[in-house]
């Protein structure tokens, strides 16, 4: 992301060792970029869309999401009945009461043909305003692409590998950018592009300056995005947190519902489960504790009153029971900071609080740190400033990705691909190798991809004269 020099002659000439290390860093930076940039561009664009979700939704779905100020709202049960009258074969999965008097009530439903819809109701008179197909919802599509490139598990792994190579690219790019030559105003020149220059120098300065400023945040984004990953996050980091007794207490010792196993299964478009709660088991309601016959479930108004009593913040969602043993789920997730995220489970018959998962009740130290990072990654942990910083970095990444091939093309010698040459004595680049080895151990998929690169380099590229020339291995 950060920089790519114009010519090999720009390597520092203070000593053979530093020049070799510089060239090795450039080589790693260049080849990491070839793999990372297409995926990183996808992540930056979709991440920016997710970040400005409220604006996108207001533009795309404002006629359904927003209503004239409502003085007195109709009961949720009446609004739910209006939804069921409009979609008679559907099942209501979750309800999101309006966070303020100018918003519609959201009902997440599952239709008979398996579609997931979000239906919006005017709380003033229970009029159904319309629905959104959640499979084509803009933020859902952006989230699927952002997390898995819409390729399922293998796309998830590919994004994880790209995240690892992003660390390599950011670290080597920062090393290349760091001013070494003792010239007047060297530090100022490092942060102020030479806009008056023409051609490749101006592009290089803009690319490197934007990249260097954004590199620390980019490293933070790469690391805090990994807890979501299918391998490192699910198979390594989450279980490690739990083994160290610093996590979120899963699996629960409470019996689980026959309808849901983990909290992640409860999620709908409106009911989001925080990262630290997604693997925790869901408790069960007791349908026979008080009387021999099955008691009636609580009405939505009763659940709404309990939500107010336990201090759920406006914008919370209510998950409805999936069967006779299911529970009402109260969730404060998006767009709450980590310390405000809560998931409260209620017995559907008595309204008793069966369990609560939150920062204050169940998160261990590492789970708190990870949750804080996850929410900062999403731009919601530190308020408006957090969102502005993440948005600016997303745009900076997009600019760096666009400027990289432009700069490469302007730097490339005519008649040549201009790939960076291999250092004359690669043994002097041990620092780069050590850093790569540490990253490969910490992040196994990155390490495995590095091994693949090394095998291809040793057994294919170095043994084919034409490939050796292309990849800068002329002796």
Protein backbone atom coordinates (compact mmCIF):
# COMPACT_ATOMS: atom_id res chain seq x y z
CA UNK A 1 0.00 0.00 0.00
CA UNK A 2 2.74 2.41 0.82
CA UNK A 3 5.39 2.91 -1.79
CA UNK A 4 7.13 1.52 -4.80
CA UNK A 5 10.30 3.28 -5.92
CA UNK A 6 11.02 4.52 -9.37
CA UNK A 7 14.21 2.72 -10.14
CA UNK A 8 16.62 0.38 -8.45
CA UNK A 9 19.08 3.25 -8.22
CA UNK A 10 16.91 4.89 -5.58
CA UNK A 11 17.97 2.33 -3.00
CA UNK A 12 20.02 3.93 -0.21
CA UNK A 13 23.73 3.73 -0.92
CA UNK A 14 25.04 4.09 2.60
CA UNK A 15 26.17 0.45 2.77
CA UNK A 16 25.77 -2.76 0.79
CA UNK A 17 23.80 -4.26 3.68
CA UNK A 18 21.21 -1.50 3.87
CA UNK A 19 20.87 -1.41 0.09
CA UNK A 20 20.26 -5.17 0.02
CA UNK A 21 17.71 -4.99 2.84
CA UNK A 22 15.97 -2.11 1.08
CA UNK A 23 15.81 -4.07 -2.18
CA UNK A 24 14.52 -7.17 -0.39
CA UNK A 25 11.78 -5.10 1.26
CA UNK A 26 10.84 -3.62 -2.11
CA UNK A 27 10.65 -7.09 -3.66
CA UNK A 28 8.40 -8.40 -0.89
CA UNK A 29 6.26 -5.26 -1.10
CA UNK A 30 5.86 -5.54 -4.86
CA UNK A 31 4.90 -9.20 -5.00
CA UNK A 32 2.64 -8.96 -1.95
CA UNK A 33 0.83 -6.13 -3.72
CA UNK A 34 0.23 -8.24 -6.84
CA UNK A 35 -1.84 -10.66 -4.75
CA UNK A 36 -3.30 -8.25 -2.20
CA UNK A 37 -4.42 -5.24 -4.22
CA UNK A 38 -7.46 -6.76 -6.00
CA UNK A 39 -8.80 -8.22 -2.75
CA UNK A 40 -7.86 -5.16 -0.71
CA UNK A 41 -9.68 -2.92 -3.17
CA UNK A 42 -12.78 -5.09 -2.78
CA UNK A 43 -12.52 -4.94 1.02
CA UNK A 44 -11.98 -1.16 1.03
CA UNK A 45 -15.00 -0.46 -1.17
CA UNK A 46 -17.36 -2.85 0.63
CA UNK A 47 -16.04 -1.74 4.03
CA UNK A 48 -16.78 1.87 3.16
CA UNK A 49 -20.31 0.92 2.11
CA UNK A 50 -20.85 -0.90 5.42
CA UNK A 51 -19.42 2.08 7.29
CA UNK A 52 -21.94 4.49 5.75
CA UNK A 53 -24.81 2.01 6.08
CA UNK A 54 -27.27 4.56 7.58
CA UNK A 55 -26.71 6.94 4.67
CA UNK A 56 -26.99 4.15 2.10
CA UNK A 57 -30.20 2.85 3.66
CA UNK A 58 -31.73 6.32 3.84
CA UNK A 59 -31.00 6.80 0.14
CA UNK A 60 -32.14 3.34 -0.97
CA UNK A 61 -34.97 2.50 1.43
CA UNK A 62 -35.90 5.80 3.08
CA UNK A 63 -39.56 5.61 2.05
CA UNK A 64 -39.95 2.47 4.15
CA UNK A 65 -37.56 3.10 7.05
CA UNK A 66 -38.72 6.59 8.01
CA UNK A 67 -42.19 7.90 8.87
CA UNK A 68 -43.76 11.13 10.08
CA UNK A 69 -43.29 11.65 13.81
CA UNK A 70 -45.52 9.24 15.72
CA UNK A 71 -47.10 10.56 18.92
CA UNK A 72 -48.74 7.29 20.03
CA UNK A 73 -47.67 3.96 18.54
CA UNK A 74 -49.99 1.04 17.93
CA UNK A 75 -49.29 -2.08 20.03
CA UNK A 76 -46.55 -4.29 18.60
CA UNK A 77 -49.02 -7.20 18.53
CA UNK A 78 -51.32 -5.20 16.24
CA UNK A 79 -48.41 -4.31 13.99
CA UNK A 80 -47.33 -7.96 13.91
CA UNK A 81 -50.83 -9.05 12.94
CA UNK A 82 -50.80 -6.55 10.08
CA UNK A 83 -47.56 -8.16 8.85
CA UNK A 84 -49.05 -11.65 9.07
CA UNK A 85 -52.17 -10.51 7.25
CA UNK A 86 -50.00 -9.22 4.41
CA UNK A 87 -47.70 -12.28 4.42
CA UNK A 88 -50.04 -15.05 5.66
CA UNK A 89 -47.64 -17.97 5.30
CA UNK A 90 -44.67 -16.23 6.92
CA UNK A 91 -43.12 -16.65 10.37
CA UNK A 92 -41.92 -13.62 12.32
CA UNK A 93 -38.35 -14.14 13.53
CA UNK A 94 -37.51 -10.78 15.08
CA UNK A 95 -38.88 -7.30 15.75
CA UNK A 96 -36.93 -4.05 15.96
CA UNK A 97 -39.02 -1.41 17.76
CA UNK A 98 -38.40 2.12 16.45
CA UNK A 99 -35.36 3.77 18.04
CA UNK A 100 -37.13 7.14 17.76
CA UNK A 101 -40.54 8.57 16.86
CA UNK A 102 -39.61 9.07 13.21
CA UNK A 103 -38.83 5.47 12.30
CA UNK A 104 -40.84 2.48 11.18
CA UNK A 105 -41.03 -0.80 13.07
CA UNK A 106 -39.01 -3.58 11.44
CA UNK A 107 -40.26 -7.17 11.36
CA UNK A 108 -37.85 -9.81 10.07
CA UNK A 109 -39.83 -12.71 8.61
CA UNK A 110 -39.22 -16.04 6.89
CA UNK A 111 -41.61 -16.81 4.05
CA UNK A 112 -42.95 -20.22 3.09
CA UNK A 113 -40.58 -20.39 0.11
CA UNK A 114 -37.55 -19.75 2.31
CA UNK A 115 -36.99 -16.04 1.67
CA UNK A 116 -35.78 -13.72 4.41
CA UNK A 117 -37.61 -10.39 4.31
CA UNK A 118 -37.53 -7.26 6.45
CA UNK A 119 -41.02 -5.77 6.56
CA UNK A 120 -41.56 -2.18 7.66
CA UNK A 121 -44.70 -0.99 9.43
CA UNK A 122 -45.86 2.52 10.25
CA UNK A 123 -46.32 2.39 14.04
CA UNK A 124 -48.98 5.10 13.88
CA UNK A 125 -51.61 2.92 12.20
CA UNK A 126 -49.95 -0.49 11.55
CA UNK A 127 -49.82 0.10 7.80
CA UNK A 128 -47.30 -2.14 6.03
CA UNK A 129 -44.97 0.17 4.08
CA UNK A 130 -43.15 -2.52 2.12
CA UNK A 131 -40.35 -5.04 2.46
CA UNK A 132 -36.69 -5.60 1.59
CA UNK A 133 -35.38 -8.94 0.39
CA UNK A 134 -32.44 -9.46 2.74
CA UNK A 135 -30.56 -11.57 0.22
CA UNK A 136 -30.27 -8.53 -2.04
CA UNK A 137 -30.10 -5.85 0.65
CA UNK A 138 -27.19 -3.50 -0.10
CA UNK A 139 -25.46 -3.82 3.27
CA UNK A 140 -25.95 -7.62 3.29
CA UNK A 141 -24.38 -7.97 -0.14
CA UNK A 142 -21.50 -5.71 0.90
CA UNK A 143 -20.99 -7.72 4.10
CA UNK A 144 -20.94 -11.05 2.25
CA UNK A 145 -18.40 -9.76 -0.25
CA UNK A 146 -16.35 -8.13 2.51
CA UNK A 147 -16.19 -11.32 4.55
CA UNK A 148 -15.98 -14.09 1.97
CA UNK A 149 -15.84 -12.47 -1.48
CA UNK A 150 -19.18 -14.29 -1.81
CA UNK A 151 -17.25 -17.53 -2.24
CA UNK A 152 -18.13 -19.28 1.00
CA UNK A 153 -15.47 -20.91 3.14
CA UNK A 154 -12.71 -20.72 0.54
CA UNK A 155 -13.40 -17.06 0.00
CA UNK A 156 -13.16 -16.60 3.76
CA UNK A 157 -9.74 -18.28 3.72
CA UNK A 158 -8.64 -16.15 0.79
CA UNK A 159 -9.58 -12.96 2.64
CA UNK A 160 -7.66 -14.20 5.69
CA UNK A 161 -4.56 -14.86 3.59
CA UNK A 162 -4.91 -11.44 1.99
CA UNK A 163 -5.11 -9.92 5.46
CA UNK A 164 -1.79 -11.54 6.34
CA UNK A 165 -0.13 -10.33 3.14
CA UNK A 166 -1.54 -6.87 3.82
CA UNK A 167 0.57 -6.83 7.00
CA UNK A 168 3.63 -7.74 4.94
CA UNK A 169 2.85 -5.05 2.39
CA UNK A 170 2.19 -2.35 4.99
CA UNK A 171 5.35 -3.13 7.00
CA UNK A 172 7.66 -3.30 3.99
CA UNK A 173 6.05 -0.22 2.44
CA UNK A 174 6.58 1.76 5.62
CA UNK A 175 10.23 0.68 5.67
CA UNK A 176 10.65 1.84 2.07
CA UNK A 177 8.99 5.19 2.80
CA UNK A 178 10.92 5.98 5.99
CA UNK A 179 13.36 8.86 5.26
CA UNK A 180 17.03 7.85 5.54
CA UNK A 181 18.93 10.41 3.54
CA UNK A 182 20.15 13.40 5.50
CA UNK A 183 18.68 16.18 3.39
CA UNK A 184 17.07 19.45 4.52
CA UNK A 185 13.48 19.03 5.70
CA UNK A 186 13.63 15.28 5.13
CA UNK A 187 10.77 14.55 7.55
CA UNK A 188 8.56 17.30 6.14
CA UNK A 189 9.21 16.08 2.60
CA UNK A 190 8.23 12.58 3.68
CA UNK A 191 4.75 13.80 4.68
CA UNK A 192 4.20 16.45 2.01
CA UNK A 193 4.01 15.19 -1.60
CA UNK A 194 5.85 17.20 -4.23
CA UNK A 195 2.77 18.23 -6.18
CA UNK A 196 4.80 20.51 -8.44
CA UNK A 197 6.76 17.56 -9.76
CA UNK A 198 5.47 15.83 -12.85
CA UNK A 199 5.01 12.19 -13.78
CA UNK A 200 6.27 9.38 -11.66
CA UNK A 201 7.79 11.47 -8.83
CA UNK A 202 4.46 13.09 -8.02
CA UNK A 203 2.61 9.78 -8.18
CA UNK A 204 5.26 8.15 -6.00
CA UNK A 205 5.06 10.89 -3.38
CA UNK A 206 1.26 10.80 -3.25
CA UNK A 207 1.21 7.01 -3.07
CA UNK A 208 3.86 6.78 -0.36
CA UNK A 209 2.58 9.67 1.77
CA UNK A 210 -1.02 8.48 1.79
CA UNK A 211 0.16 4.92 2.40
CA UNK A 212 2.52 5.81 5.23
CA UNK A 213 -0.10 7.86 7.07
CA UNK A 214 -2.70 5.13 6.68
CA UNK A 215 -0.38 2.14 7.28
CA UNK A 216 -0.81 1.97 11.11
CA UNK A 217 -4.60 1.96 10.75
CA UNK A 218 -4.38 -0.55 7.90
CA UNK A 219 -2.35 -2.88 10.11
CA UNK A 220 -4.96 -2.40 12.85
CA UNK A 221 -7.77 -3.21 10.40
CA UNK A 222 -6.00 -6.35 9.17
CA UNK A 223 -5.46 -7.64 12.71
CA UNK A 224 -8.91 -6.74 14.06
CA UNK A 225 -10.57 -8.29 11.01
CA UNK A 226 -9.03 -11.69 11.74
CA UNK A 227 -11.35 -12.62 14.67
CA UNK A 228 -14.15 -12.95 12.06
CA UNK A 229 -12.10 -15.29 9.89
CA UNK A 230 -13.11 -18.90 9.45
CA UNK A 231 -9.73 -20.39 10.32
CA UNK A 232 -7.66 -18.09 12.56
CA UNK A 233 -10.67 -16.58 14.32
CA UNK A 234 -12.87 -19.65 14.72
CA UNK A 235 -10.24 -22.37 15.04
CA UNK A 236 -7.41 -20.60 16.88
CA UNK A 237 -8.18 -17.27 18.52
CA UNK A 238 -11.67 -17.97 19.89
CA UNK A 239 -10.78 -21.35 21.45
CA UNK A 240 -7.52 -19.88 22.83
CA UNK A 241 -9.45 -17.11 24.57
CA UNK A 242 -11.77 -19.67 26.12
CA UNK A 243 -8.94 -21.97 27.23
CA UNK A 244 -7.26 -19.05 28.95
CA UNK A 245 -10.53 -18.36 30.80
CA UNK A 246 -10.53 -14.87 29.36
CA UNK A 247 -13.41 -15.19 27.00
CA UNK A 248 -17.15 -15.30 27.02
CA UNK A 249 -18.00 -18.52 28.81
CA UNK A 250 -19.03 -20.81 25.97
CA UNK A 251 -20.29 -23.45 25.78
CA UNK A 252 -22.93 -22.73 28.38
CA UNK A 253 -23.84 -25.35 30.95
CA UNK A 254 -27.53 -24.48 30.52
CA UNK A 255 -29.71 -26.76 28.40
CA UNK A 256 -30.12 -25.52 24.86
CA UNK A 257 -33.19 -25.10 22.77
CA UNK A 258 -34.01 -27.76 20.23
CA UNK A 259 -34.51 -24.94 17.71
CA UNK A 260 -31.22 -23.07 18.06
CA UNK A 261 -27.82 -24.27 19.20
CA UNK A 262 -25.67 -21.15 19.24
CA UNK A 263 -26.48 -17.47 19.40
CA UNK A 264 -25.23 -16.96 15.84
CA UNK A 265 -28.23 -19.02 14.65
CA UNK A 266 -30.57 -16.35 16.01
CA UNK A 267 -29.29 -13.57 13.77
CA UNK A 268 -31.57 -11.79 11.34
CA UNK A 269 -31.16 -8.56 9.39
CA UNK A 270 -32.34 -6.56 12.39
CA UNK A 271 -31.19 -8.77 15.25
CA UNK A 272 -27.41 -8.87 15.28
CA UNK A 273 -25.37 -10.89 17.76
CA UNK A 274 -22.08 -9.42 18.96
CA UNK A 275 -18.85 -11.23 18.05
CA UNK A 276 -18.20 -12.35 21.63
CA UNK A 277 -21.59 -14.05 21.93
CA UNK A 278 -21.92 -15.86 18.61
CA UNK A 279 -20.66 -19.24 19.84
CA UNK A 280 -22.45 -19.23 23.18
CA UNK A 281 -25.29 -21.68 23.64
CA UNK A 282 -28.86 -20.40 23.89
CA UNK A 283 -30.80 -21.33 27.06
CA UNK A 284 -34.28 -22.88 26.96
CA UNK A 285 -37.65 -21.81 28.25
CA UNK A 286 -39.46 -24.10 30.69
CA UNK A 287 -42.90 -24.81 29.30
CA UNK A 288 -44.02 -27.03 32.22
CA UNK A 289 -42.56 -25.36 35.30
CA UNK A 290 -45.76 -23.82 36.68
CA UNK A 291 -48.77 -25.73 35.35
CA UNK A 292 -49.43 -29.05 33.73
CA UNK A 293 -50.72 -27.54 30.48
CA UNK A 294 -48.46 -25.36 28.39
CA UNK A 295 -48.79 -21.73 29.52
CA UNK A 296 -49.26 -18.93 26.97
CA UNK A 297 -46.21 -17.06 25.76
CA UNK A 298 -45.72 -13.45 26.73
CA UNK A 299 -47.12 -10.79 24.42
CA UNK A 300 -44.70 -8.52 22.63
CA UNK A 301 -45.81 -5.55 24.75
CA UNK A 302 -44.85 -7.48 27.90
CA UNK A 303 -41.44 -8.27 26.41
CA UNK A 304 -41.05 -4.62 25.44
CA UNK A 305 -41.76 -3.60 29.05
CA UNK A 306 -39.19 -6.06 30.36
CA UNK A 307 -36.65 -4.69 27.88
CA UNK A 308 -37.21 -1.22 29.34
CA UNK A 309 -36.88 -2.58 32.89
CA UNK A 310 -33.53 -4.27 32.19
CA UNK A 311 -32.17 -1.17 30.46
CA UNK A 312 -31.98 -2.14 26.79
CA UNK A 313 -30.92 0.85 24.70
CA UNK A 314 -33.14 2.26 21.92
CA UNK A 315 -32.55 0.35 18.69
CA UNK A 316 -32.54 -3.04 20.42
CA UNK A 317 -34.09 -6.05 18.68
CA UNK A 318 -36.43 -8.73 19.99
CA UNK A 319 -35.89 -12.27 18.73
CA UNK A 320 -39.02 -14.41 18.91
CA UNK A 321 -39.00 -18.02 20.19
CA UNK A 322 -38.53 -20.63 17.50
CA UNK A 323 -40.49 -23.35 19.30
CA UNK A 324 -42.06 -24.16 22.66
CA UNK A 325 -38.62 -24.30 24.29
CA UNK A 326 -37.30 -21.17 22.61
CA UNK A 327 -36.64 -17.86 24.30
CA UNK A 328 -37.19 -14.19 23.68
CA UNK A 329 -33.84 -12.66 22.79
CA UNK A 330 -33.11 -9.00 23.49
CA UNK A 331 -30.06 -7.71 21.67
CA UNK A 332 -28.20 -4.42 21.62
CA UNK A 333 -25.56 -4.82 18.93
CA UNK A 334 -25.34 -2.52 15.92
CA UNK A 335 -24.47 0.31 16.26
CA UNK A 336 -23.46 0.06 19.92
CA UNK A 337 -19.86 0.29 21.20
CA UNK A 338 -18.53 -2.95 22.67
CA UNK A 339 -19.22 -1.95 26.27
CA UNK A 340 -22.89 -1.34 25.41
CA UNK A 341 -23.49 -4.62 23.58
CA UNK A 342 -25.82 -6.94 25.43
CA UNK A 343 -27.74 -10.10 24.70
CA UNK A 344 -30.44 -10.96 27.24
CA UNK A 345 -32.47 -14.18 27.09
CA UNK A 346 -35.99 -14.28 28.56
CA UNK A 347 -38.14 -17.28 29.37
CA UNK A 348 -40.98 -16.90 26.86
CA UNK A 349 -43.60 -17.81 29.46
CA UNK A 350 -42.51 -16.15 32.70
CA UNK A 351 -40.29 -13.36 31.37
CA UNK A 352 -37.52 -14.43 33.74
CA UNK A 353 -34.00 -13.45 32.66
CA UNK A 354 -32.31 -16.78 31.93
CA UNK A 355 -28.93 -15.43 30.90
CA UNK A 356 -27.16 -12.24 29.92
CA UNK A 357 -24.03 -11.92 27.82
CA UNK A 358 -22.36 -8.54 27.93
CA UNK A 359 -19.17 -6.61 28.57
CA UNK A 360 -20.05 -6.23 32.25
CA UNK A 361 -21.38 -9.73 33.00
CA UNK A 362 -19.40 -12.28 31.02
CA UNK A 363 -16.56 -10.88 28.88
CA UNK A 364 -13.03 -11.75 29.99
CA UNK A 365 -10.03 -9.51 29.37
CA UNK A 366 -9.09 -10.90 25.96
CA UNK A 367 -12.70 -10.98 24.84
CA UNK A 368 -13.04 -7.31 25.82
CA UNK A 369 -9.88 -6.39 23.93
CA UNK A 370 -11.01 -8.33 20.87
CA UNK A 371 -14.55 -6.93 20.97
CA UNK A 372 -13.17 -3.40 21.34
CA UNK A 373 -10.99 -3.99 18.28
CA UNK A 374 -13.86 -5.49 16.28
CA UNK A 375 -16.11 -2.49 16.96
CA UNK A 376 -13.31 -0.01 16.27
CA UNK A 377 -12.73 -1.87 12.99
CA UNK A 378 -16.37 -1.20 12.13
CA UNK A 379 -16.04 2.49 13.02
CA UNK A 380 -18.52 2.47 15.87
CA UNK A 381 -16.40 2.20 19.04
CA UNK A 382 -15.23 5.80 19.45
CA UNK A 383 -18.14 7.71 17.98
CA UNK A 384 -18.01 9.99 14.99
CA UNK A 385 -14.21 10.34 15.08
CA UNK A 386 -13.84 6.56 14.73
CA UNK A 387 -16.09 6.53 11.70
CA UNK A 388 -14.31 9.45 10.05
CA UNK A 389 -10.89 7.86 10.53
CA UNK A 390 -12.00 4.51 9.13
CA UNK A 391 -13.74 6.19 6.21
CA UNK A 392 -10.65 8.29 5.43
CA UNK A 393 -8.40 5.24 5.56
CA UNK A 394 -10.76 3.31 3.28
CA UNK A 395 -10.59 6.11 0.72
CA UNK A 396 -6.81 6.31 1.20
CA UNK A 397 -6.49 2.60 0.53
CA UNK A 398 -8.56 2.95 -2.63
CA UNK A 399 -6.32 5.80 -3.80
CA UNK A 400 -3.13 3.86 -3.01
CA UNK A 401 -4.41 0.82 -4.88
CA UNK A 402 -5.29 2.92 -7.94
CA UNK A 403 -2.02 4.85 -7.84
CA UNK A 404 0.17 1.74 -7.47
CA UNK A 405 -0.29 0.39 -11.04
CA UNK A 406 -0.12 3.93 -12.46
CA UNK A 407 3.18 4.51 -10.69
CA UNK A 408 4.50 1.10 -11.72
CA UNK A 409 3.62 1.75 -15.37
CA UNK A 410 5.38 5.13 -15.35
CA UNK A 411 8.45 3.63 -13.67
CA UNK A 412 8.65 0.53 -15.87
CA UNK A 413 11.53 0.63 -18.38
CA UNK A 414 10.39 0.37 -21.98
CA UNK A 415 10.43 -3.14 -23.35
CA UNK A 416 10.53 -4.70 -19.88
CA UNK A 417 8.06 -5.69 -17.18
CA UNK A 418 10.27 -3.88 -14.69
CA UNK A 419 9.78 -6.33 -11.82
CA UNK A 420 12.14 -5.66 -8.88
CA UNK A 421 15.44 -7.51 -9.05
CA UNK A 422 16.52 -10.02 -6.46
CA UNK A 423 19.18 -8.69 -4.03
CA UNK A 424 22.74 -9.57 -5.03
CA UNK A 425 23.31 -11.17 -1.62
CA UNK A 426 19.94 -12.24 -0.31
CA UNK A 427 21.53 -13.56 2.88
CA UNK A 428 21.84 -10.00 4.14
CA UNK A 429 18.06 -9.62 4.16
CA UNK A 430 17.70 -11.75 7.28
CA UNK A 431 15.61 -9.14 9.09
CA UNK A 432 12.91 -9.38 6.45
CA UNK A 433 13.01 -13.18 6.63
CA UNK A 434 12.70 -13.15 10.42
CA UNK A 435 9.69 -10.83 10.29
CA UNK A 436 8.09 -13.02 7.61
CA UNK A 437 8.72 -16.14 9.70
CA UNK A 438 7.13 -14.59 12.79
CA UNK A 439 4.07 -13.51 10.82
CA UNK A 440 3.85 -16.96 9.23
CA UNK A 441 3.84 -18.63 12.67
CA UNK A 442 1.29 -16.25 14.15
CA UNK A 443 -1.00 -16.56 11.14
CA UNK A 444 -0.79 -20.13 9.76
CA UNK A 445 -2.65 -19.54 6.48
CA UNK A 446 -0.24 -16.70 5.69
CA UNK A 447 2.65 -19.00 6.60
CA UNK A 448 1.30 -21.75 4.36
CA UNK A 449 0.98 -19.31 1.46
CA UNK A 450 4.56 -18.16 2.05
CA UNK A 451 5.72 -21.77 1.82
CA UNK A 452 3.84 -22.14 -1.48
CA UNK A 453 5.53 -18.99 -2.78
CA UNK A 454 8.95 -20.31 -1.68
CA UNK A 455 8.38 -23.66 -3.38
CA UNK A 456 7.24 -22.02 -6.63
CA UNK A 457 10.20 -19.64 -6.46
CA UNK A 458 12.76 -22.41 -5.88
CA UNK A 459 11.47 -25.20 -8.10
CA UNK A 460 9.76 -23.31 -10.92
CA UNK A 461 10.90 -19.74 -11.35
CA UNK A 462 14.61 -20.23 -10.64
CA UNK A 463 14.83 -23.21 -13.01
CA UNK A 464 13.18 -21.49 -15.99
CA UNK A 465 15.47 -18.88 -17.60
CA UNK A 466 12.58 -16.89 -19.05
CA UNK A 467 10.75 -16.78 -15.72
CA UNK A 468 13.95 -15.86 -13.91
CA UNK A 469 14.29 -12.82 -16.11
CA UNK A 470 10.66 -11.79 -15.64
CA UNK A 471 10.86 -12.08 -11.86
CA UNK A 472 14.13 -10.18 -11.55
CA UNK A 473 16.50 -13.06 -10.86
CA UNK A 474 19.22 -12.25 -13.37
CA UNK A 475 22.56 -13.05 -11.83
